[in-house]
Amino acid sequence: MCCEKCGGIFYINAAAAVVAIIQNDRGEFLFTRRKNDPFAGTLDFPGGFVDLDERAENAIIREVKEELNLDISDIRFFMSMPNRYLFGGIVYFTLDLVFFCDYDKLSNMKADDDISEYLFIPVDKVNIEDIGLESIKIIVEKLKTLQKTE
């Protein structure tokens, strides 16, 4: 967008967000249920927005700790995925940075922050219609494809 008075240009850039892909020892994936809109009640992966001046790797550690009280390690980049995030009547463009993550122990895990529960689900048993965010649907489909090729 360009200001007619001063000629200044405002660029609409994507906000960075992070997504954690975590599997238990049975190969099930860790999903969360969204507590708030957008898409309250739908399945999601742990994650959230990257703060200003924060590395994506630090953001994923922080978000997983806030949402699940879970310490993660061995963070490995998997893929990126554009997304649209409708909040307060405004569509925000995001770039989801997706990471595979290992965990230290599950014993202290609990649902907190903006999630209402967590579930471990085999990826081939996930109903895509139970997921709210389009980027998460695409990530799940990619995981299903990867499992078929293994």
N, C-alpha and C. Protein backbone atom coordinates (compact mmCIF):
# COMPACT_ATOMS: atom_id res chain seq x y z
N MET A 1 0.85 -1.17 0.00
CA MET A 1 0.00 0.00 0.00
C MET A 1 0.89 1.24 0.00
N CYS A 2 0.42 2.26 -0.69
CA CYS A 2 1.21 3.47 -0.84
C CYS A 2 0.40 4.67 -0.32
N CYS A 3 1.03 5.51 0.50
CA CYS A 3 0.39 6.70 1.03
C CYS A 3 0.35 7.77 -0.07
N GLU A 4 -0.86 8.29 -0.33
CA GLU A 4 -1.01 9.30 -1.38
C GLU A 4 -0.34 10.61 -0.99
N LYS A 5 -0.24 10.89 0.31
CA LYS A 5 0.33 12.16 0.75
C LYS A 5 1.86 12.17 0.74
N CYS A 6 2.47 11.13 1.31
CA CYS A 6 3.93 11.15 1.44
C CYS A 6 4.64 10.18 0.51
N GLY A 7 3.91 9.29 -0.13
CA GLY A 7 4.52 8.31 -1.02
C GLY A 7 5.13 7.13 -0.30
N GLY A 8 4.97 7.09 1.03
CA GLY A 8 5.52 5.98 1.80
C GLY A 8 4.83 4.67 1.43
N ILE A 9 5.61 3.62 1.43
CA ILE A 9 5.08 2.31 1.06
C ILE A 9 5.01 1.42 2.30
N PHE A 10 3.88 0.78 2.48
CA PHE A 10 3.69 -0.19 3.56
C PHE A 10 3.63 -1.57 2.93
N TYR A 11 4.57 -2.41 3.30
CA TYR A 11 4.62 -3.76 2.77
C TYR A 11 3.85 -4.70 3.69
N ILE A 12 3.05 -5.57 3.10
CA ILE A 12 2.34 -6.58 3.87
C ILE A 12 3.20 -7.83 3.85
N ASN A 13 3.86 -8.11 4.96
CA ASN A 13 4.73 -9.26 5.08
C ASN A 13 4.11 -10.29 6.01
N ALA A 14 4.49 -11.52 5.80
CA ALA A 14 3.99 -12.60 6.63
C ALA A 14 4.63 -12.55 8.01
N ALA A 15 3.83 -12.86 9.03
CA ALA A 15 4.35 -13.04 10.39
C ALA A 15 4.86 -14.47 10.50
N ALA A 16 5.95 -14.65 11.21
CA ALA A 16 6.51 -15.99 11.39
C ALA A 16 5.77 -16.71 12.51
N ALA A 17 5.49 -17.99 12.26
CA ALA A 17 4.90 -18.86 13.27
C ALA A 17 5.66 -20.19 13.24
N VAL A 18 5.60 -20.92 14.35
CA VAL A 18 6.31 -22.19 14.43
C VAL A 18 5.33 -23.31 14.77
N VAL A 19 5.65 -24.50 14.26
CA VAL A 19 4.82 -25.69 14.45
C VAL A 19 5.73 -26.83 14.88
N ALA A 20 5.35 -27.54 15.95
CA ALA A 20 6.15 -28.66 16.45
C ALA A 20 5.49 -29.98 16.06
N ILE A 21 6.27 -30.84 15.43
CA ILE A 21 5.83 -32.19 15.11
C ILE A 21 6.56 -33.12 16.08
N ILE A 22 5.80 -33.75 16.97
CA ILE A 22 6.37 -34.58 18.03
C ILE A 22 5.68 -35.94 17.98
N GLN A 23 6.47 -37.00 17.99
CA GLN A 23 5.94 -38.36 18.00
C GLN A 23 6.33 -39.05 19.30
N ASN A 24 5.41 -39.90 19.81
CA ASN A 24 5.76 -40.71 20.97
C ASN A 24 6.44 -41.99 20.51
N ASP A 25 6.76 -42.87 21.45
CA ASP A 25 7.49 -44.09 21.10
C ASP A 25 6.64 -45.10 20.33
N ARG A 26 5.32 -44.86 20.22
CA ARG A 26 4.44 -45.71 19.42
C ARG A 26 4.23 -45.14 18.01
N GLY A 27 4.89 -44.02 17.70
CA GLY A 27 4.76 -43.42 16.39
C GLY A 27 3.54 -42.53 16.23
N GLU A 28 2.82 -42.27 17.32
CA GLU A 28 1.66 -41.39 17.27
C GLU A 28 2.12 -39.94 17.35
N PHE A 29 1.37 -39.05 16.73
CA PHE A 29 1.72 -37.64 16.70
C PHE A 29 0.98 -36.87 17.78
N LEU A 30 1.66 -35.90 18.36
CA LEU A 30 1.09 -35.07 19.42
C LEU A 30 0.28 -33.94 18.80
N PHE A 31 -1.03 -33.99 19.03
CA PHE A 31 -1.95 -32.94 18.60
C PHE A 31 -2.46 -32.19 19.82
N THR A 32 -2.84 -30.96 19.60
CA THR A 32 -3.50 -30.18 20.65
C THR A 32 -4.90 -29.80 20.15
N ARG A 33 -5.75 -29.43 21.09
CA ARG A 33 -7.07 -28.92 20.72
C ARG A 33 -7.08 -27.43 21.06
N ARG A 34 -7.45 -26.62 20.08
CA ARG A 34 -7.45 -25.17 20.25
C ARG A 34 -8.52 -24.73 21.24
N LYS A 35 -8.13 -23.93 22.23
CA LYS A 35 -9.07 -23.43 23.23
C LYS A 35 -9.81 -22.19 22.72
N ASN A 36 -9.16 -21.40 21.89
CA ASN A 36 -9.70 -20.10 21.46
C ASN A 36 -9.84 -20.04 19.95
N ASP A 37 -10.63 -19.07 19.50
CA ASP A 37 -10.71 -18.78 18.08
C ASP A 37 -9.41 -18.13 17.62
N PRO A 38 -9.03 -18.28 16.40
CA PRO A 38 -9.82 -18.93 15.36
C PRO A 38 -9.79 -20.46 15.51
N PHE A 39 -10.90 -21.05 15.11
CA PHE A 39 -11.06 -22.50 15.07
C PHE A 39 -10.99 -23.17 16.44
N ALA A 40 -11.61 -22.55 17.44
CA ALA A 40 -11.67 -23.17 18.77
C ALA A 40 -12.27 -24.57 18.65
N GLY A 41 -11.69 -25.51 19.38
CA GLY A 41 -12.19 -26.88 19.41
C GLY A 41 -11.61 -27.79 18.35
N THR A 42 -10.83 -27.26 17.42
CA THR A 42 -10.27 -28.10 16.35
C THR A 42 -8.86 -28.56 16.73
N LEU A 43 -8.41 -29.58 16.01
CA LEU A 43 -7.07 -30.11 16.23
C LEU A 43 -6.01 -29.18 15.63
N ASP A 44 -4.86 -29.20 16.25
CA ASP A 44 -3.73 -28.38 15.81
C ASP A 44 -2.47 -29.10 16.28
N PHE A 45 -1.33 -28.60 15.89
CA PHE A 45 -0.06 -29.03 16.45
C PHE A 45 0.38 -27.96 17.44
N PRO A 46 1.23 -28.30 18.40
CA PRO A 46 1.76 -27.27 19.29
C PRO A 46 2.53 -26.22 18.49
N GLY A 47 2.49 -24.99 18.96
CA GLY A 47 3.23 -23.93 18.29
C GLY A 47 2.59 -22.58 18.49
N GLY A 48 3.07 -21.60 17.75
CA GLY A 48 2.54 -20.26 17.87
C GLY A 48 3.43 -19.26 17.15
N PHE A 49 3.20 -18.00 17.45
CA PHE A 49 3.91 -16.92 16.77
C PHE A 49 5.32 -16.72 17.32
N VAL A 50 6.21 -16.32 16.44
CA VAL A 50 7.57 -15.97 16.81
C VAL A 50 7.55 -14.52 17.27
N ASP A 51 8.14 -14.25 18.44
CA ASP A 51 8.21 -12.88 18.94
C ASP A 51 9.26 -12.09 18.17
N LEU A 52 9.18 -10.77 18.26
CA LEU A 52 10.19 -9.91 17.64
C LEU A 52 11.56 -10.23 18.21
N ASP A 53 12.55 -10.26 17.36
CA ASP A 53 13.94 -10.54 17.74
C ASP A 53 14.13 -11.92 18.36
N GLU A 54 13.26 -12.88 18.04
CA GLU A 54 13.37 -14.23 18.57
C GLU A 54 13.68 -15.19 17.43
N ARG A 55 14.59 -16.12 17.66
CA ARG A 55 14.88 -17.16 16.68
C ARG A 55 13.72 -18.15 16.67
N ALA A 56 13.44 -18.72 15.51
CA ALA A 56 12.36 -19.70 15.38
C ALA A 56 12.58 -20.88 16.31
N GLU A 57 13.84 -21.33 16.43
CA GLU A 57 14.15 -22.46 17.31
C GLU A 57 13.83 -22.14 18.77
N ASN A 58 14.08 -20.91 19.18
CA ASN A 58 13.74 -20.51 20.54
C ASN A 58 12.23 -20.37 20.71
N ALA A 59 11.56 -19.91 19.67
CA ALA A 59 10.11 -19.76 19.73
C ALA A 59 9.42 -21.10 19.90
N ILE A 60 9.89 -22.13 19.20
CA ILE A 60 9.24 -23.44 19.30
C ILE A 60 9.46 -24.03 20.69
N ILE A 61 10.64 -23.84 21.24
CA ILE A 61 10.90 -24.29 22.62
C ILE A 61 9.96 -23.58 23.59
N ARG A 62 9.85 -22.27 23.45
CA ARG A 62 8.99 -21.46 24.34
C ARG A 62 7.52 -21.85 24.20
N GLU A 63 7.03 -21.95 22.96
CA GLU A 63 5.62 -22.25 22.74
C GLU A 63 5.22 -23.63 23.27
N VAL A 64 6.06 -24.63 23.03
CA VAL A 64 5.75 -25.98 23.52
C VAL A 64 5.76 -26.01 25.05
N LYS A 65 6.68 -25.27 25.65
CA LYS A 65 6.73 -25.19 27.11
C LYS A 65 5.48 -24.49 27.65
N GLU A 66 5.07 -23.38 27.03
CA GLU A 66 3.88 -22.64 27.47
C GLU A 66 2.61 -23.48 27.34
N GLU A 67 2.47 -24.17 26.23
CA GLU A 67 1.24 -24.91 25.95
C GLU A 67 1.17 -26.25 26.66
N LEU A 68 2.30 -26.91 26.83
CA LEU A 68 2.28 -28.30 27.30
C LEU A 68 3.19 -28.59 28.48
N ASN A 69 3.96 -27.60 28.94
CA ASN A 69 4.96 -27.83 29.98
C ASN A 69 5.91 -28.97 29.58
N LEU A 70 6.24 -29.00 28.30
CA LEU A 70 7.07 -30.06 27.73
C LEU A 70 8.39 -29.47 27.26
N ASP A 71 9.49 -30.09 27.68
CA ASP A 71 10.81 -29.68 27.21
C ASP A 71 11.15 -30.48 25.96
N ILE A 72 11.51 -29.76 24.90
CA ILE A 72 11.85 -30.43 23.64
C ILE A 72 13.32 -30.24 23.33
N SER A 73 13.83 -31.12 22.47
CA SER A 73 15.24 -31.09 22.08
C SER A 73 15.36 -31.58 20.65
N ASP A 74 16.57 -31.57 20.13
CA ASP A 74 16.86 -32.04 18.78
C ASP A 74 15.84 -31.52 17.76
N ILE A 75 15.79 -30.21 17.64
CA ILE A 75 14.83 -29.53 16.78
C ILE A 75 15.37 -29.53 15.35
N ARG A 76 14.59 -30.11 14.41
CA ARG A 76 15.02 -30.27 13.03
C ARG A 76 13.97 -29.66 12.09
N PHE A 77 14.42 -28.76 11.21
CA PHE A 77 13.50 -28.13 10.26
C PHE A 77 12.92 -29.19 9.32
N PHE A 78 11.60 -29.11 9.10
CA PHE A 78 10.91 -30.04 8.20
C PHE A 78 10.44 -29.34 6.93
N MET A 79 9.68 -28.27 7.07
CA MET A 79 9.14 -27.57 5.91
C MET A 79 8.57 -26.23 6.34
N SER A 80 8.23 -25.41 5.37
CA SER A 80 7.51 -24.17 5.65
C SER A 80 6.19 -24.20 4.90
N MET A 81 5.24 -23.46 5.41
CA MET A 81 3.90 -23.49 4.83
C MET A 81 3.23 -22.13 5.03
N PRO A 82 2.81 -21.45 3.95
CA PRO A 82 2.06 -20.21 4.12
C PRO A 82 0.69 -20.51 4.72
N ASN A 83 0.17 -19.55 5.46
CA ASN A 83 -1.13 -19.72 6.11
C ASN A 83 -1.82 -18.37 6.21
N ARG A 84 -3.12 -18.43 6.36
CA ARG A 84 -3.92 -17.23 6.64
C ARG A 84 -4.58 -17.45 7.97
N TYR A 85 -4.45 -16.47 8.85
CA TYR A 85 -4.90 -16.57 10.23
C TYR A 85 -5.91 -15.47 10.48
N LEU A 86 -7.18 -15.81 10.53
CA LEU A 86 -8.24 -14.83 10.75
C LEU A 86 -8.38 -14.58 12.24
N PHE A 87 -8.16 -13.35 12.67
CA PHE A 87 -8.26 -13.01 14.09
C PHE A 87 -8.85 -11.61 14.21
N GLY A 88 -9.90 -11.48 14.98
CA GLY A 88 -10.52 -10.17 15.19
C GLY A 88 -11.02 -9.54 13.91
N GLY A 89 -11.45 -10.37 12.96
CA GLY A 89 -11.97 -9.87 11.70
C GLY A 89 -10.91 -9.48 10.69
N ILE A 90 -9.64 -9.69 11.02
CA ILE A 90 -8.53 -9.35 10.13
C ILE A 90 -7.81 -10.63 9.74
N VAL A 91 -7.47 -10.75 8.46
CA VAL A 91 -6.69 -11.90 8.00
C VAL A 91 -5.21 -11.53 8.08
N TYR A 92 -4.48 -12.31 8.87
CA TYR A 92 -3.04 -12.15 8.99
C TYR A 92 -2.38 -13.24 8.16
N PHE A 93 -1.41 -12.85 7.38
CA PHE A 93 -0.66 -13.82 6.61
C PHE A 93 0.52 -14.28 7.46
N THR A 94 0.68 -15.59 7.55
CA THR A 94 1.78 -16.14 8.33
C THR A 94 2.61 -17.06 7.46
N LEU A 95 3.80 -17.31 7.91
CA LEU A 95 4.65 -18.34 7.33
C LEU A 95 4.96 -19.31 8.46
N ASP A 96 4.36 -20.49 8.39
CA ASP A 96 4.56 -21.51 9.42
C ASP A 96 5.87 -22.24 9.15
N LEU A 97 6.74 -22.25 10.13
CA LEU A 97 8.01 -22.96 10.06
C LEU A 97 7.84 -24.23 10.90
N VAL A 98 7.93 -25.37 10.23
CA VAL A 98 7.58 -26.64 10.85
C VAL A 98 8.85 -27.40 11.23
N PHE A 99 8.88 -27.88 12.46
CA PHE A 99 10.05 -28.59 12.99
C PHE A 99 9.65 -29.94 13.57
N PHE A 100 10.46 -30.96 13.30
CA PHE A 100 10.38 -32.20 14.06
C PHE A 100 11.11 -31.96 15.37
N CYS A 101 10.55 -32.42 16.46
CA CYS A 101 11.15 -32.21 17.78
C CYS A 101 11.10 -33.50 18.59
N ASP A 102 12.14 -33.72 19.36
CA ASP A 102 12.15 -34.81 20.34
C ASP A 102 11.81 -34.21 21.69
N TYR A 103 11.48 -35.04 22.64
CA TYR A 103 11.14 -34.58 23.98
C TYR A 103 11.99 -35.31 25.00
N ASP A 104 12.07 -34.71 26.18
CA ASP A 104 12.85 -35.32 27.24
C ASP A 104 12.00 -36.35 28.00
N LYS A 105 10.85 -35.93 28.51
CA LYS A 105 9.93 -36.84 29.19
C LYS A 105 8.52 -36.26 29.13
N LEU A 106 7.54 -37.15 29.11
CA LEU A 106 6.14 -36.73 28.99
C LEU A 106 5.43 -36.63 30.34
N SER A 107 6.07 -37.03 31.40
CA SER A 107 5.39 -37.16 32.70
C SER A 107 4.83 -35.85 33.25
N ASN A 108 5.43 -34.72 32.94
CA ASN A 108 4.95 -33.44 33.47
C ASN A 108 4.06 -32.68 32.48
N MET A 109 3.70 -33.32 31.39
CA MET A 109 2.93 -32.64 30.35
C MET A 109 1.52 -32.34 30.83
N LYS A 110 1.04 -31.14 30.50
CA LYS A 110 -0.33 -30.74 30.82
C LYS A 110 -0.78 -29.69 29.81
N ALA A 111 -2.08 -29.65 29.54
CA ALA A 111 -2.64 -28.64 28.64
C ALA A 111 -2.70 -27.30 29.37
N ASP A 112 -2.20 -26.25 28.72
CA ASP A 112 -2.16 -24.93 29.34
C ASP A 112 -2.22 -23.88 28.24
N ASP A 113 -2.17 -22.63 28.62
CA ASP A 113 -2.13 -21.50 27.71
C ASP A 113 -3.36 -21.50 26.80
N ASP A 114 -3.20 -21.65 25.50
CA ASP A 114 -4.33 -21.54 24.59
C ASP A 114 -4.76 -22.88 24.01
N ILE A 115 -4.46 -23.98 24.72
CA ILE A 115 -4.96 -25.29 24.29
C ILE A 115 -5.82 -25.89 25.40
N SER A 116 -6.84 -26.67 25.01
CA SER A 116 -7.72 -27.26 26.00
C SER A 116 -7.35 -28.71 26.33
N GLU A 117 -6.67 -29.38 25.42
CA GLU A 117 -6.21 -30.75 25.68
C GLU A 117 -5.14 -31.12 24.67
N TYR A 118 -4.49 -32.24 24.96
CA TYR A 118 -3.54 -32.80 24.00
C TYR A 118 -3.88 -34.26 23.80
N LEU A 119 -3.54 -34.77 22.61
CA LEU A 119 -3.85 -36.14 22.24
C LEU A 119 -2.72 -36.69 21.38
N PHE A 120 -2.40 -37.95 21.54
CA PHE A 120 -1.49 -38.63 20.62
C PHE A 120 -2.35 -39.45 19.67
N ILE A 121 -2.20 -39.20 18.37
CA ILE A 121 -3.02 -39.85 17.36
C ILE A 121 -2.13 -40.35 16.23
N PRO A 122 -2.33 -41.58 15.77
CA PRO A 122 -1.62 -42.02 14.56
C PRO A 122 -2.04 -41.12 13.40
N VAL A 123 -1.10 -40.67 12.60
CA VAL A 123 -1.42 -39.70 11.55
C VAL A 123 -2.42 -40.26 10.55
N ASP A 124 -2.41 -41.57 10.32
CA ASP A 124 -3.37 -42.14 9.36
C ASP A 124 -4.79 -42.21 9.93
N LYS A 125 -4.95 -41.94 11.22
CA LYS A 125 -6.29 -41.94 11.85
C LYS A 125 -6.86 -40.53 12.03
N VAL A 126 -6.10 -39.52 11.61
CA VAL A 126 -6.54 -38.14 11.77
C VAL A 126 -7.55 -37.80 10.69
N ASN A 127 -8.71 -37.29 11.11
CA ASN A 127 -9.73 -36.81 10.19
C ASN A 127 -9.38 -35.35 9.85
N ILE A 128 -9.06 -35.10 8.62
CA ILE A 128 -8.67 -33.75 8.18
C ILE A 128 -9.73 -32.71 8.54
N GLU A 129 -10.98 -33.10 8.54
CA GLU A 129 -12.06 -32.15 8.86
C GLU A 129 -12.05 -31.73 10.33
N ASP A 130 -11.31 -32.44 11.18
CA ASP A 130 -11.19 -32.07 12.59
C ASP A 130 -10.13 -30.99 12.81
N ILE A 131 -9.41 -30.63 11.75
CA ILE A 131 -8.35 -29.62 11.82
C ILE A 131 -8.91 -28.31 11.27
N GLY A 132 -8.61 -27.20 11.95
CA GLY A 132 -9.14 -25.91 11.54
C GLY A 132 -8.26 -25.16 10.56
N LEU A 133 -6.97 -25.06 10.86
CA LEU A 133 -6.07 -24.26 10.05
C LEU A 133 -5.65 -25.00 8.78
N GLU A 134 -5.72 -24.31 7.66
CA GLU A 134 -5.39 -24.93 6.36
C GLU A 134 -3.95 -25.42 6.31
N SER A 135 -3.03 -24.66 6.87
CA SER A 135 -1.63 -25.09 6.81
C SER A 135 -1.44 -26.40 7.57
N ILE A 136 -2.12 -26.58 8.67
CA ILE A 136 -1.99 -27.81 9.47
C ILE A 136 -2.58 -28.99 8.70
N LYS A 137 -3.66 -28.76 7.97
CA LYS A 137 -4.23 -29.83 7.13
C LYS A 137 -3.20 -30.29 6.10
N ILE A 138 -2.51 -29.35 5.47
CA ILE A 138 -1.51 -29.69 4.45
C ILE A 138 -0.32 -30.41 5.08
N ILE A 139 0.11 -29.97 6.24
CA ILE A 139 1.22 -30.63 6.94
C ILE A 139 0.84 -32.07 7.28
N VAL A 140 -0.38 -32.29 7.78
CA VAL A 140 -0.83 -33.65 8.10
C VAL A 140 -0.85 -34.52 6.85
N GLU A 141 -1.35 -33.98 5.75
CA GLU A 141 -1.36 -34.75 4.50
C GLU A 141 0.07 -35.11 4.07
N LYS A 142 1.01 -34.18 4.25
CA LYS A 142 2.41 -34.44 3.92
C LYS A 142 2.96 -35.55 4.81
N LEU A 143 2.63 -35.53 6.10
CA LEU A 143 3.07 -36.58 7.02
C LEU A 143 2.49 -37.94 6.63
N LYS A 144 1.21 -37.95 6.21
CA LYS A 144 0.59 -39.20 5.76
C LYS A 144 1.32 -39.75 4.54
N THR A 145 1.68 -38.88 3.61
CA THR A 145 2.42 -39.30 2.42
C THR A 145 3.78 -39.85 2.78
N LEU A 146 4.46 -39.19 3.71
CA LEU A 146 5.79 -39.66 4.15
C LEU A 146 5.70 -41.04 4.79
N GLN A 147 4.66 -41.27 5.58
CA GLN A 147 4.53 -42.57 6.24
C GLN A 147 4.27 -43.68 5.22
N LYS A 148 3.56 -43.37 4.15
CA LYS A 148 3.28 -44.36 3.13
C LYS A 148 4.55 -44.78 2.38
N THR A 149 5.51 -43.85 2.28
CA THR A 149 6.74 -44.14 1.53
C THR A 149 7.81 -44.82 2.38
N GLU A 150 7.61 -44.86 3.69
CA GLU A 150 8.61 -45.49 4.58
C GLU A 150 8.49 -46.98 4.60
